[in-house]
Amino acid sequence: ASSTSLLEVYYVGEVGTGLGPTLEFYTLLSHCFQETSHQMWREVETCVLDGKTYVVAPNGFYPRAVSQNESEELSSLCENFTFLGRVLGKALVDNRMLDISFSEPFFRWLLGSQEKMGLA
């Protein structure tokens, strides 16, 4: 989609719209991507907060390896990363920050300055 409209979020039953709820939405969405249930990231360590388990990545998030033979798992992972890409794109267009830090190799790959991802 080539929409240039600014995303503005409001929560049903709560007073207020605008920047506050919108920033909270981006923060909540960022945290959702960090949940271990999505199996998106290499898990160095985890923490439990409010009954949900999150990946802790002191050096930034790096995609976990998955076998190409696991087509269902790979398909789900691709869908999650496609959605993350759309969220990143919208955040960039709207000049919003996401509460998620990527590892340097992954970030360089995202920017297109590296052809392949690797830790070495």
PDB file of N, CA and C in Angstrom:
ATOM      1  N   ALA A   1       0.836  -1.179   0.000  1.00  0.00           N
ATOM      2  CA  ALA A   1       0.000   0.000   0.000  1.00  0.00           C
ATOM      3  C   ALA A   1       0.878   1.238   0.000  1.00  0.00           C
ATOM      4  N   SER A   2       0.406   2.275  -0.622  1.00  0.00           N
ATOM      5  CA  SER A   2       1.183   3.505  -0.699  1.00  0.00           C
ATOM      6  C   SER A   2       0.530   4.613   0.117  1.00  0.00           C
ATOM      7  N   SER A   3      -0.020   4.268   1.250  1.00  0.00           N
ATOM      8  CA  SER A   3      -0.687   5.231   2.108  1.00  0.00           C
ATOM      9  C   SER A   3       0.330   6.128   2.801  1.00  0.00           C
ATOM     10  N   THR A   4       0.051   7.415   2.806  1.00  0.00           N
ATOM     11  CA  THR A   4       0.918   8.354   3.511  1.00  0.00           C
ATOM     12  C   THR A   4       0.221   8.915   4.740  1.00  0.00           C
ATOM     13  N   SER A   5      -0.941   8.369   5.089  1.00  0.00           N
ATOM     14  CA  SER A   5      -1.656   8.877   6.253  1.00  0.00           C
ATOM     15  C   SER A   5      -0.963   8.406   7.533  1.00  0.00           C
ATOM     16  N   LEU A   6      -1.004   9.245   8.535  1.00  0.00           N
ATOM     17  CA  LEU A   6      -0.367   8.994   9.812  1.00  0.00           C
ATOM     18  C   LEU A   6      -1.236   8.059  10.649  1.00  0.00           C
ATOM     19  N   LEU A   7      -0.630   7.034  11.210  1.00  0.00           N
ATOM     20  CA  LEU A   7      -1.364   6.107  12.066  1.00  0.00           C
ATOM     21  C   LEU A   7      -1.628   6.762  13.409  1.00  0.00           C
ATOM     22  N   GLU A   8      -2.886   6.787  13.807  1.00  0.00           N
ATOM     23  CA  GLU A   8      -3.265   7.307  15.122  1.00  0.00           C
ATOM     24  C   GLU A   8      -4.132   6.265  15.795  1.00  0.00           C
ATOM     25  N   VAL A   9      -3.770   5.902  17.020  1.00  0.00           N
ATOM     26  CA  VAL A   9      -4.442   4.829  17.737  1.00  0.00           C
ATOM     27  C   VAL A   9      -5.245   5.396  18.900  1.00  0.00           C
ATOM     28  N   TYR A  10      -6.411   4.816  19.132  1.00  0.00           N
ATOM     29  CA  TYR A  10      -7.154   5.100  20.355  1.00  0.00           C
ATOM     30  C   TYR A  10      -7.698   3.778  20.861  1.00  0.00           C
ATOM     31  N   TYR A  11      -7.861   3.675  22.163  1.00  0.00           N
ATOM     32  CA  TYR A  11      -8.334   2.447  22.787  1.00  0.00           C
ATOM     33  C   TYR A  11      -9.778   2.632  23.223  1.00  0.00           C
ATOM     34  N   VAL A  12     -10.622   1.670  22.886  1.00  0.00           N
ATOM     35  CA  VAL A  12     -12.038   1.716  23.234  1.00  0.00           C
ATOM     36  C   VAL A  12     -12.165   1.717  24.756  1.00  0.00           C
ATOM     37  N   GLY A  13     -12.962   2.614  25.260  1.00  0.00           N
ATOM     38  CA  GLY A  13     -13.188   2.701  26.695  1.00  0.00           C
ATOM     39  C   GLY A  13     -12.175   3.560  27.435  1.00  0.00           C
ATOM     40  N   GLU A  14     -11.208   4.112  26.718  1.00  0.00           N
ATOM     41  CA  GLU A  14     -10.219   4.986  27.345  1.00  0.00           C
ATOM     42  C   GLU A  14     -10.345   6.383  26.766  1.00  0.00           C
ATOM     43  N   VAL A  15     -10.047   7.357  27.602  1.00  0.00           N
ATOM     44  CA  VAL A  15     -10.120   8.745  27.175  1.00  0.00           C
ATOM     45  C   VAL A  15      -8.814   9.109  26.472  1.00  0.00           C
ATOM     46  N   GLY A  16      -8.917   9.813  25.392  1.00  0.00           N
ATOM     47  CA  GLY A  16      -7.734  10.338  24.726  1.00  0.00           C
ATOM     48  C   GLY A  16      -7.371   9.614  23.450  1.00  0.00           C
ATOM     49  N   THR A  17      -6.870  10.390  22.533  1.00  0.00           N
ATOM     50  CA  THR A  17      -6.326   9.875  21.276  1.00  0.00           C
ATOM     51  C   THR A  17      -5.060  10.659  21.008  1.00  0.00           C
ATOM     52  N   GLY A  18      -4.412  10.337  19.930  1.00  0.00           N
ATOM     53  CA  GLY A  18      -3.251  11.112  19.538  1.00  0.00           C
ATOM     54  C   GLY A  18      -1.943  10.424  19.832  1.00  0.00           C
ATOM     55  N   LEU A  19      -0.951  11.218  20.186  1.00  0.00           N
ATOM     56  CA  LEU A  19       0.411  10.734  20.321  1.00  0.00           C
ATOM     57  C   LEU A  19       0.588   9.704  21.441  1.00  0.00           C
ATOM     58  N   GLY A  20       0.007   9.946  22.604  1.00  0.00           N
ATOM     59  CA  GLY A  20       0.186   9.039  23.754  1.00  0.00           C
ATOM     60  C   GLY A  20      -0.239   7.604  23.464  1.00  0.00           C
ATOM     61  N   PRO A  21      -1.496   7.385  23.107  1.00  0.00           N
ATOM     62  CA  PRO A  21      -1.938   6.027  22.799  1.00  0.00           C
ATOM     63  C   PRO A  21      -1.209   5.417  21.600  1.00  0.00           C
ATOM     64  N   THR A  22      -0.850   6.246  20.625  1.00  0.00           N
ATOM     65  CA  THR A  22      -0.146   5.745  19.442  1.00  0.00           C
ATOM     66  C   THR A  22       1.243   5.245  19.819  1.00  0.00           C
ATOM     67  N   LEU A  23       1.973   6.002  20.634  1.00  0.00           N
ATOM     68  CA  LEU A  23       3.297   5.574  21.086  1.00  0.00           C
ATOM     69  C   LEU A  23       3.203   4.316  21.941  1.00  0.00           C
ATOM     70  N   GLU A  24       2.151   4.238  22.773  1.00  0.00           N
ATOM     71  CA  GLU A  24       1.945   3.032  23.579  1.00  0.00           C
ATOM     72  C   GLU A  24       1.691   1.825  22.678  1.00  0.00           C
ATOM     73  N   PHE A  25       0.929   2.019  21.610  1.00  0.00           N
ATOM     74  CA  PHE A  25       0.656   0.947  20.655  1.00  0.00           C
ATOM     75  C   PHE A  25       1.948   0.420  20.052  1.00  0.00           C
ATOM     76  N   TYR A  26       2.825   1.318  19.594  1.00  0.00           N
ATOM     77  CA  TYR A  26       4.097   0.904  19.014  1.00  0.00           C
ATOM     78  C   TYR A  26       4.963   0.175  20.044  1.00  0.00           C
ATOM     79  N   THR A  27       4.945   0.624  21.285  1.00  0.00           N
ATOM     80  CA  THR A  27       5.713  -0.037  22.345  1.00  0.00           C
ATOM     81  C   THR A  27       5.175  -1.442  22.605  1.00  0.00           C
ATOM     82  N   LEU A  28       3.859  -1.566  22.721  1.00  0.00           N
ATOM     83  CA  LEU A  28       3.248  -2.878  22.955  1.00  0.00           C
ATOM     84  C   LEU A  28       3.520  -3.830  21.789  1.00  0.00           C
ATOM     85  N   LEU A  29       3.443  -3.306  20.585  1.00  0.00           N
ATOM     86  CA  LEU A  29       3.715  -4.125  19.404  1.00  0.00           C
ATOM     87  C   LEU A  29       5.179  -4.565  19.376  1.00  0.00           C
ATOM     88  N   SER A  30       6.082  -3.662  19.736  1.00  0.00           N
ATOM     89  CA  SER A  30       7.506  -4.003  19.815  1.00  0.00           C
ATOM     90  C   SER A  30       7.743  -5.136  20.810  1.00  0.00           C
ATOM     91  N   HIS A  31       7.091  -5.046  21.955  1.00  0.00           N
ATOM     92  CA  HIS A  31       7.253  -6.086  22.972  1.00  0.00           C
ATOM     93  C   HIS A  31       6.658  -7.408  22.517  1.00  0.00           C
ATOM     94  N   CYS A  32       5.575  -7.341  21.774  1.00  0.00           N
ATOM     95  CA  CYS A  32       4.955  -8.555  21.243  1.00  0.00           C
ATOM     96  C   CYS A  32       5.929  -9.317  20.347  1.00  0.00           C
ATOM     97  N   PHE A  33       6.669  -8.601  19.507  1.00  0.00           N
ATOM     98  CA  PHE A  33       7.647  -9.247  18.623  1.00  0.00           C
ATOM     99  C   PHE A  33       8.762  -9.937  19.410  1.00  0.00           C
ATOM    100  N   GLN A  34       8.960  -9.534  20.654  1.00  0.00           N
ATOM    101  CA  GLN A  34      10.032 -10.084  21.478  1.00  0.00           C
ATOM    102  C   GLN A  34       9.604 -11.307  22.285  1.00  0.00           C
ATOM    103  N   GLU A  35       8.339 -11.683  22.205  1.00  0.00           N
ATOM    104  CA  GLU A  35       7.847 -12.850  22.944  1.00  0.00           C
ATOM    105  C   GLU A  35       8.459 -14.131  22.368  1.00  0.00           C
ATOM    106  N   THR A  36       8.823 -15.048  23.249  1.00  0.00           N
ATOM    107  CA  THR A  36       9.430 -16.301  22.811  1.00  0.00           C
ATOM    108  C   THR A  36       8.445 -17.155  22.015  1.00  0.00           C
ATOM    109  N   SER A  37       7.154 -16.964  22.225  1.00  0.00           N
ATOM    110  CA  SER A  37       6.149 -17.776  21.531  1.00  0.00           C
ATOM    111  C   SER A  37       6.209 -17.613  20.013  1.00  0.00           C
ATOM    112  N   HIS A  38       6.739 -16.488  19.538  1.00  0.00           N
ATOM    113  CA  HIS A  38       6.854 -16.256  18.096  1.00  0.00           C
ATOM    114  C   HIS A  38       8.085 -16.933  17.503  1.00  0.00           C
ATOM    115  N   GLN A  39       9.010 -17.324  18.344  1.00  0.00           N
ATOM    116  CA  GLN A  39      10.225 -18.042  17.929  1.00  0.00           C
ATOM    117  C   GLN A  39      10.943 -17.332  16.773  1.00  0.00           C
ATOM    118  N   MET A  40      11.113 -16.023  16.906  1.00  0.00           N
ATOM    119  CA  MET A  40      11.753 -15.246  15.847  1.00  0.00           C
ATOM    120  C   MET A  40      13.253 -15.054  16.079  1.00  0.00           C
ATOM    121  N   TRP A  41      13.676 -15.037  17.339  1.00  0.00           N
ATOM    122  CA  TRP A  41      15.026 -14.605  17.668  1.00  0.00           C
ATOM    123  C   TRP A  41      15.848 -15.694  18.343  1.00  0.00           C
ATOM    124  N   ARG A  42      17.163 -15.585  18.170  1.00  0.00           N
ATOM    125  CA  ARG A  42      18.081 -16.443  18.929  1.00  0.00           C
ATOM    126  C   ARG A  42      17.870 -16.123  20.393  1.00  0.00           C
ATOM    127  N   GLU A  43      17.711 -17.153  21.192  1.00  0.00           N
ATOM    128  CA  GLU A  43      17.456 -16.947  22.613  1.00  0.00           C
ATOM    129  C   GLU A  43      18.739 -17.146  23.412  1.00  0.00           C
ATOM    130  N   VAL A  44      19.349 -16.043  23.820  1.00  0.00           N
ATOM    131  CA  VAL A  44      20.511 -16.100  24.688  1.00  0.00           C
ATOM    132  C   VAL A  44      20.026 -16.288  26.121  1.00  0.00           C
ATOM    133  N   GLU A  45      19.021 -15.502  26.481  1.00  0.00           N
ATOM    134  CA  GLU A  45      18.361 -15.643  27.767  1.00  0.00           C
ATOM    135  C   GLU A  45      16.930 -15.143  27.631  1.00  0.00           C
ATOM    136  N   THR A  46      16.115 -15.456  28.621  1.00  0.00           N
ATOM    137  CA  THR A  46      14.717 -15.042  28.596  1.00  0.00           C
ATOM    138  C   THR A  46      14.332 -14.456  29.953  1.00  0.00           C
ATOM    139  N   CYS A  47      13.219 -13.767  29.975  1.00  0.00           N
ATOM    140  CA  CYS A  47      12.664 -13.275  31.240  1.00  0.00           C
ATOM    141  C   CYS A  47      11.142 -13.381  31.161  1.00  0.00           C
ATOM    142  N   VAL A  48      10.518 -13.517  32.313  1.00  0.00           N
ATOM    143  CA  VAL A  48       9.062 -13.617  32.379  1.00  0.00           C
ATOM    144  C   VAL A  48       8.530 -12.334  32.990  1.00  0.00           C
ATOM    145  N   LEU A  49       7.558 -11.741  32.309  1.00  0.00           N
ATOM    146  CA  LEU A  49       6.944 -10.497  32.753  1.00  0.00           C
ATOM    147  C   LEU A  49       5.445 -10.601  32.519  1.00  0.00           C
ATOM    148  N   ASP A  50       4.665 -10.425  33.553  1.00  0.00           N
ATOM    149  CA  ASP A  50       3.204 -10.489  33.448  1.00  0.00           C
ATOM    150  C   ASP A  50       2.728 -11.779  32.782  1.00  0.00           C
ATOM    151  N   GLY A  51       3.392 -12.895  33.087  1.00  0.00           N
ATOM    152  CA  GLY A  51       2.988 -14.194  32.572  1.00  0.00           C
ATOM    153  C   GLY A  51       3.435 -14.502  31.151  1.00  0.00           C
ATOM    154  N   LYS A  52       4.168 -13.593  30.534  1.00  0.00           N
ATOM    155  CA  LYS A  52       4.674 -13.820  29.176  1.00  0.00           C
ATOM    156  C   LYS A  52       6.191 -13.914  29.228  1.00  0.00           C
ATOM    157  N   THR A  53       6.742 -14.777  28.375  1.00  0.00           N
ATOM    158  CA  THR A  53       8.188 -14.955  28.324  1.00  0.00           C
ATOM    159  C   THR A  53       8.750 -14.203  27.128  1.00  0.00           C
ATOM    160  N   TYR A  54       9.789 -13.406  27.412  1.00  0.00           N
ATOM    161  CA  TYR A  54      10.401 -12.567  26.387  1.00  0.00           C
ATOM    162  C   TYR A  54      11.863 -12.951  26.179  1.00  0.00           C
ATOM    163  N   VAL A  55      12.336 -12.761  24.969  1.00  0.00           N
ATOM    164  CA  VAL A  55      13.749 -12.958  24.660  1.00  0.00           C
ATOM    165  C   VAL A  55      14.499 -11.736  25.170  1.00  0.00           C
ATOM    166  N   VAL A  56      15.607 -11.981  25.858  1.00  0.00           N
ATOM    167  CA  VAL A  56      16.494 -10.905  26.287  1.00  0.00           C
ATOM    168  C   VAL A  56      17.711 -10.971  25.385  1.00  0.00           C
ATOM    169  N   ALA A  57      18.014  -9.867  24.722  1.00  0.00           N
ATOM    170  CA  ALA A  57      19.125  -9.845  23.768  1.00  0.00           C
ATOM    171  C   ALA A  57      20.035  -8.656  24.075  1.00  0.00           C
ATOM    172  N   PRO A  58      20.996  -8.845  24.981  1.00  0.00           N
ATOM    173  CA  PRO A  58      21.872  -7.732  25.364  1.00  0.00           C
ATOM    174  C   PRO A  58      22.637  -7.119  24.186  1.00  0.00           C
ATOM    175  N   ASN A  59      22.938  -7.912  23.174  1.00  0.00           N
ATOM    176  CA  ASN A  59      23.669  -7.414  22.001  1.00  0.00           C
ATOM    177  C   ASN A  59      22.755  -7.177  20.797  1.00  0.00           C
ATOM    178  N   GLY A  60      21.466  -7.133  21.022  1.00  0.00           N
ATOM    179  CA  GLY A  60      20.509  -6.915  19.947  1.00  0.00           C
ATOM    180  C   GLY A  60      19.911  -8.215  19.446  1.00  0.00           C
ATOM    181  N   PHE A  61      18.746  -8.117  18.846  1.00  0.00           N
ATOM    182  CA  PHE A  61      18.034  -9.293  18.357  1.00  0.00           C
ATOM    183  C   PHE A  61      18.620  -9.774  17.038  1.00  0.00           C
ATOM    184  N   TYR A  62      18.779 -11.081  16.950  1.00  0.00           N
ATOM    185  CA  TYR A  62      19.311 -11.731  15.753  1.00  0.00           C
ATOM    186  C   TYR A  62      18.370 -12.877  15.403  1.00  0.00           C
ATOM    187  N   PRO A  63      17.933 -12.982  14.155  1.00  0.00           N
ATOM    188  CA  PRO A  63      16.985 -14.044  13.783  1.00  0.00           C
ATOM    189  C   PRO A  63      17.542 -15.433  14.097  1.00  0.00           C
ATOM    190  N   ARG A  64      16.679 -16.276  14.584  1.00  0.00           N
ATOM    191  CA  ARG A  64      17.124 -17.642  14.891  1.00  0.00           C
ATOM    192  C   ARG A  64      17.195 -18.455  13.604  1.00  0.00           C
ATOM    193  N   ALA A  65      18.074 -19.424  13.615  1.00  0.00           N
ATOM    194  CA  ALA A  65      18.218 -20.307  12.452  1.00  0.00           C
ATOM    195  C   ALA A  65      17.057 -21.291  12.424  1.00  0.00           C
ATOM    196  N   VAL A  66      16.621 -21.618  11.222  1.00  0.00           N
ATOM    197  CA  VAL A  66      15.557 -22.608  11.054  1.00  0.00           C
ATOM    198  C   VAL A  66      15.873 -23.420   9.800  1.00  0.00           C
ATOM    199  N   SER A  67      15.619 -24.696   9.898  1.00  0.00           N
ATOM    200  CA  SER A  67      15.889 -25.590   8.772  1.00  0.00           C
ATOM    201  C   SER A  67      14.911 -25.320   7.630  1.00  0.00           C
ATOM    202  N   GLN A  68      15.412 -25.341   6.416  1.00  0.00           N
ATOM    203  CA  GLN A  68      14.536 -25.143   5.263  1.00  0.00           C
ATOM    204  C   GLN A  68      13.627 -26.349   5.050  1.00  0.00           C
ATOM    205  N   ASN A  69      13.913 -27.454   5.728  1.00  0.00           N
ATOM    206  CA  ASN A  69      13.072 -28.645   5.633  1.00  0.00           C
ATOM    207  C   ASN A  69      11.802 -28.507   6.471  1.00  0.00           C
ATOM    208  N   GLU A  70      11.801 -27.571   7.401  1.00  0.00           N
ATOM    209  CA  GLU A  70      10.645 -27.347   8.271  1.00  0.00           C
ATOM    210  C   GLU A  70       9.740 -26.301   7.618  1.00  0.00           C
ATOM    211  N   SER A  71       9.026 -26.691   6.571  1.00  0.00           N
ATOM    212  CA  SER A  71       8.286 -25.723   5.750  1.00  0.00           C
ATOM    213  C   SER A  71       7.212 -24.967   6.535  1.00  0.00           C
ATOM    214  N   GLU A  72       6.490 -25.641   7.423  1.00  0.00           N
ATOM    215  CA  GLU A  72       5.435 -24.974   8.187  1.00  0.00           C
ATOM    216  C   GLU A  72       6.041 -23.946   9.150  1.00  0.00           C
ATOM    217  N   GLU A  73       7.113 -24.327   9.827  1.00  0.00           N
ATOM    218  CA  GLU A  73       7.789 -23.429  10.755  1.00  0.00           C
ATOM    219  C   GLU A  73       8.406 -22.256  10.000  1.00  0.00           C
ATOM    220  N   LEU A  74       9.024 -22.534   8.865  1.00  0.00           N
ATOM    221  CA  LEU A  74       9.638 -21.497   8.045  1.00  0.00           C
ATOM    222  C   LEU A  74       8.591 -20.529   7.509  1.00  0.00           C
ATOM    223  N   SER A  75       7.460 -21.042   7.107  1.00  0.00           N
ATOM    224  CA  SER A  75       6.369 -20.214   6.602  1.00  0.00           C
ATOM    225  C   SER A  75       5.860 -19.263   7.689  1.00  0.00           C
ATOM    226  N   SER A  76       5.682 -19.781   8.897  1.00  0.00           N
ATOM    227  CA  SER A  76       5.225 -18.965  10.019  1.00  0.00           C
ATOM    228  C   SER A  76       6.243 -17.886  10.355  1.00  0.00           C
ATOM    229  N   LEU A  77       7.515 -18.246  10.336  1.00  0.00           N
ATOM    230  CA  LEU A  77       8.588 -17.300  10.626  1.00  0.00           C
ATOM    231  C   LEU A  77       8.634 -16.200   9.566  1.00  0.00           C
ATOM    232  N   CYS A  78       8.467 -16.575   8.317  1.00  0.00           N
ATOM    233  CA  CYS A  78       8.450 -15.585   7.220  1.00  0.00           C
ATOM    234  C   CYS A  78       7.282 -14.613   7.379  1.00  0.00           C
ATOM    235  N   GLU A  79       6.124 -15.127   7.780  1.00  0.00           N
ATOM    236  CA  GLU A  79       4.960 -14.263   8.007  1.00  0.00           C
ATOM    237  C   GLU A  79       5.244 -13.268   9.123  1.00  0.00           C
ATOM    238  N   ASN A  80       5.865 -13.747  10.222  1.00  0.00           N
ATOM    239  CA  ASN A  80       6.187 -12.863  11.346  1.00  0.00           C
ATOM    240  C   ASN A  80       7.164 -11.769  10.935  1.00  0.00           C
ATOM    241  N   PHE A  81       8.198 -12.137  10.158  1.00  0.00           N
ATOM    242  CA  PHE A  81       9.171 -11.144   9.737  1.00  0.00           C
ATOM    243  C   PHE A  81       8.605 -10.196   8.679  1.00  0.00           C
ATOM    244  N   THR A  82       7.687 -10.681   7.854  1.00  0.00           N
ATOM    245  CA  THR A  82       7.018  -9.806   6.891  1.00  0.00           C
ATOM    246  C   THR A  82       6.198  -8.757   7.628  1.00  0.00           C
ATOM    247  N   PHE A  83       5.481  -9.197   8.662  1.00  0.00           N
ATOM    248  CA  PHE A  83       4.688  -8.263   9.461  1.00  0.00           C
ATOM    249  C   PHE A  83       5.605  -7.272  10.183  1.00  0.00           C
ATOM    250  N   LEU A  84       6.715  -7.760  10.744  1.00  0.00           N
ATOM    251  CA  LEU A  84       7.680  -6.874  11.396  1.00  0.00           C
ATOM    252  C   LEU A  84       8.192  -5.828  10.406  1.00  0.00           C
ATOM    253  N   GLY A  85       8.466  -6.238   9.178  1.00  0.00           N
ATOM    254  CA  GLY A  85       8.925  -5.306   8.158  1.00  0.00           C
ATOM    255  C   GLY A  85       7.898  -4.234   7.858  1.00  0.00           C
ATOM    256  N   ARG A  86       6.642  -4.612   7.824  1.00  0.00           N
ATOM    257  CA  ARG A  86       5.569  -3.633   7.573  1.00  0.00           C
ATOM    258  C   ARG A  86       5.463  -2.646   8.730  1.00  0.00           C
ATOM    259  N   VAL A  87       5.589  -3.172   9.957  1.00  0.00           N
ATOM    260  CA  VAL A  87       5.538  -2.303  11.135  1.00  0.00           C
ATOM    261  C   VAL A  87       6.731  -1.351  11.129  1.00  0.00           C
ATOM    262  N   LEU A  88       7.924  -1.865  10.816  1.00  0.00           N
ATOM    263  CA  LEU A  88       9.119  -1.015  10.736  1.00  0.00           C
ATOM    264  C   LEU A  88       8.933   0.074   9.685  1.00  0.00           C
ATOM    265  N   GLY A  89       8.418  -0.298   8.528  1.00  0.00           N
ATOM    266  CA  GLY A  89       8.193   0.669   7.461  1.00  0.00           C
ATOM    267  C   GLY A  89       7.227   1.759   7.874  1.00  0.00           C
ATOM    268  N   LYS A  90       6.123   1.372   8.492  1.00  0.00           N
ATOM    269  CA  LYS A  90       5.133   2.360   8.930  1.00  0.00           C
ATOM    270  C   LYS A  90       5.710   3.256  10.013  1.00  0.00           C
ATOM    271  N   ALA A  91       6.482   2.681  10.930  1.00  0.00           N
ATOM    272  CA  ALA A  91       7.107   3.476  11.986  1.00  0.00           C
ATOM    273  C   ALA A  91       8.076   4.496  11.385  1.00  0.00           C
ATOM    274  N   LEU A  92       8.835   4.076  10.383  1.00  0.00           N
ATOM    275  CA  LEU A  92       9.767   5.005   9.723  1.00  0.00           C
ATOM    276  C   LEU A  92       9.025   6.133   9.013  1.00  0.00           C
ATOM    277  N   VAL A  93       7.986   5.780   8.272  1.00  0.00           N
ATOM    278  CA  VAL A  93       7.208   6.786   7.539  1.00  0.00           C
ATOM    279  C   VAL A  93       6.563   7.779   8.511  1.00  0.00           C
ATOM    280  N   ASP A  94       6.081   7.274   9.656  1.00  0.00           N
ATOM    281  CA  ASP A  94       5.407   8.128  10.642  1.00  0.00           C
ATOM    282  C   ASP A  94       6.374   8.765  11.634  1.00  0.00           C
ATOM    283  N   ASN A  95       7.685   8.516  11.457  1.00  0.00           N
ATOM    284  CA  ASN A  95       8.711   9.060  12.348  1.00  0.00           C
ATOM    285  C   ASN A  95       8.493   8.619  13.802  1.00  0.00           C
ATOM    286  N   ARG A  96       8.234   7.324  13.995  1.00  0.00           N
ATOM    287  CA  ARG A  96       8.045   6.728  15.325  1.00  0.00           C
ATOM    288  C   ARG A  96       9.183   5.758  15.601  1.00  0.00           C
ATOM    289  N   MET A  97       9.469   5.580  16.878  1.00  0.00           N
ATOM    290  CA  MET A  97      10.524   4.640  17.268  1.00  0.00           C
ATOM    291  C   MET A  97       9.891   3.359  17.798  1.00  0.00           C
ATOM    292  N   LEU A  98      10.542   2.244  17.510  1.00  0.00           N
ATOM    293  CA  LEU A  98      10.119   0.960  18.057  1.00  0.00           C
ATOM    294  C   LEU A  98      11.072   0.582  19.191  1.00  0.00           C
ATOM    295  N   ASP A  99      10.529  -0.063  20.196  1.00  0.00           N
ATOM    296  CA  ASP A  99      11.316  -0.476  21.349  1.00  0.00           C
ATOM    297  C   ASP A  99      11.906  -1.864  21.099  1.00  0.00           C
ATOM    298  N   ILE A 100      12.771  -1.958  20.101  1.00  0.00           N
ATOM    299  CA  ILE A 100      13.406  -3.229  19.767  1.00  0.00           C
ATOM    300  C   ILE A 100      14.754  -2.898  19.106  1.00  0.00           C
ATOM    301  N   SER A 101      15.810  -3.504  19.628  1.00  0.00           N
ATOM    302  CA  SER A 101      17.131  -3.213  19.053  1.00  0.00           C
ATOM    303  C   SER A 101      17.659  -4.466  18.362  1.00  0.00           C
ATOM    304  N   PHE A 102      18.139  -4.282  17.159  1.00  0.00           N
ATOM    305  CA  PHE A 102      18.650  -5.395  16.371  1.00  0.00           C
ATOM    306  C   PHE A 102      20.158  -5.502  16.549  1.00  0.00           C
ATOM    307  N   SER A 103      20.665  -6.713  16.375  1.00  0.00           N
ATOM    308  CA  SER A 103      22.110  -6.919  16.420  1.00  0.00           C
ATOM    309  C   SER A 103      22.738  -6.195  15.231  1.00  0.00           C
ATOM    310  N   GLU A 104      24.001  -5.861  15.362  1.00  0.00           N
ATOM    311  CA  GLU A 104      24.682  -5.129  14.294  1.00  0.00           C
ATOM    312  C   GLU A 104      24.673  -5.879  12.961  1.00  0.00           C
ATOM    313  N   PRO A 105      24.985  -7.199  12.946  1.00  0.00           N
ATOM    314  CA  PRO A 105      24.948  -7.899  11.649  1.00  0.00           C
ATOM    315  C   PRO A 105      23.554  -7.890  11.006  1.00  0.00           C
ATOM    316  N   PHE A 106      22.512  -8.081  11.808  1.00  0.00           N
ATOM    317  CA  PHE A 106      21.152  -8.080  11.278  1.00  0.00           C
ATOM    318  C   PHE A 106      20.778  -6.687  10.781  1.00  0.00           C
ATOM    319  N   PHE A 107      21.158  -5.661  11.525  1.00  0.00           N
ATOM    320  CA  PHE A 107      20.858  -4.288  11.135  1.00  0.00           C
ATOM    321  C   PHE A 107      21.551  -3.932   9.820  1.00  0.00           C
ATOM    322  N   ARG A 108      22.819  -4.324   9.684  1.00  0.00           N
ATOM    323  CA  ARG A 108      23.535  -4.054   8.430  1.00  0.00           C
ATOM    324  C   ARG A 108      22.866  -4.775   7.262  1.00  0.00           C
ATOM    325  N   TRP A 109      22.417  -5.998   7.501  1.00  0.00           N
ATOM    326  CA  TRP A 109      21.725  -6.756   6.450  1.00  0.00           C
ATOM    327  C   TRP A 109      20.420  -6.059   6.070  1.00  0.00           C
ATOM    328  N   LEU A 110      19.667  -5.577   7.078  1.00  0.00           N
ATOM    329  CA  LEU A 110      18.421  -4.857   6.810  1.00  0.00           C
ATOM    330  C   LEU A 110      18.659  -3.617   5.950  1.00  0.00           C
ATOM    331  N   LEU A 111      19.756  -2.928   6.205  1.00  0.00           N
ATOM    332  CA  LEU A 111      20.083  -1.720   5.455  1.00  0.00           C
ATOM    333  C   LEU A 111      20.618  -2.014   4.067  1.00  0.00           C
ATOM    334  N   GLY A 112      20.910  -3.296   3.806  1.00  0.00           N
ATOM    335  CA  GLY A 112      21.401  -3.684   2.495  1.00  0.00           C
ATOM    336  C   GLY A 112      22.892  -3.503   2.318  1.00  0.00           C
ATOM    337  N   SER A 113      23.613  -3.236   3.403  1.00  0.00           N
ATOM    338  CA  SER A 113      25.057  -3.051   3.278  1.00  0.00           C
ATOM    339  C   SER A 113      25.808  -4.381   3.361  1.00  0.00           C
ATOM    340  N   GLN A 114      25.075  -5.463   3.628  1.00  0.00           N
ATOM    341  CA  GLN A 114      25.659  -6.805   3.626  1.00  0.00           C
ATOM    342  C   GLN A 114      24.759  -7.713   2.822  1.00  0.00           C
ATOM    343  N   GLU A 115      25.374  -8.548   1.983  1.00  0.00           N
ATOM    344  CA  GLU A 115      24.603  -9.442   1.140  1.00  0.00           C
ATOM    345  C   GLU A 115      24.064 -10.631   1.934  1.00  0.00           C
ATOM    346  N   LYS A 116      24.877 -11.119   2.885  1.00  0.00           N
ATOM    347  CA  LYS A 116      24.480 -12.267   3.700  1.00  0.00           C
ATOM    348  C   LYS A 116      24.575 -11.889   5.166  1.00  0.00           C
ATOM    349  N   MET A 117      23.753 -12.560   5.971  1.00  0.00           N
ATOM    350  CA  MET A 117      23.817 -12.369   7.412  1.00  0.00           C
ATOM    351  C   MET A 117      24.776 -13.396   7.999  1.00  0.00           C
ATOM    352  N   GLY A 118      25.510 -12.971   9.000  1.00  0.00           N
ATOM    353  CA  GLY A 118      26.387 -13.904   9.687  1.00  0.00           C
ATOM    354  C   GLY A 118      26.905 -13.286  10.957  1.00  0.00           C
ATOM    355  N   LEU A 119      27.302 -14.123  11.875  1.00  0.00           N
ATOM    356  CA  LEU A 119      27.836 -13.624  13.135  1.00  0.00           C
ATOM    357  C   LEU A 119      29.335 -13.443  13.062  1.00  0.00           C
ATOM    358  N   ALA A 120      29.982 -14.006  12.061  1.00  0.00           N
ATOM    359  CA  ALA A 120      31.440 -13.917  11.975  1.00  0.00           C
ATOM    360  C   ALA A 120      31.849 -12.718  11.142  1.00  0.00           C
TER     361      ALA A 120
END
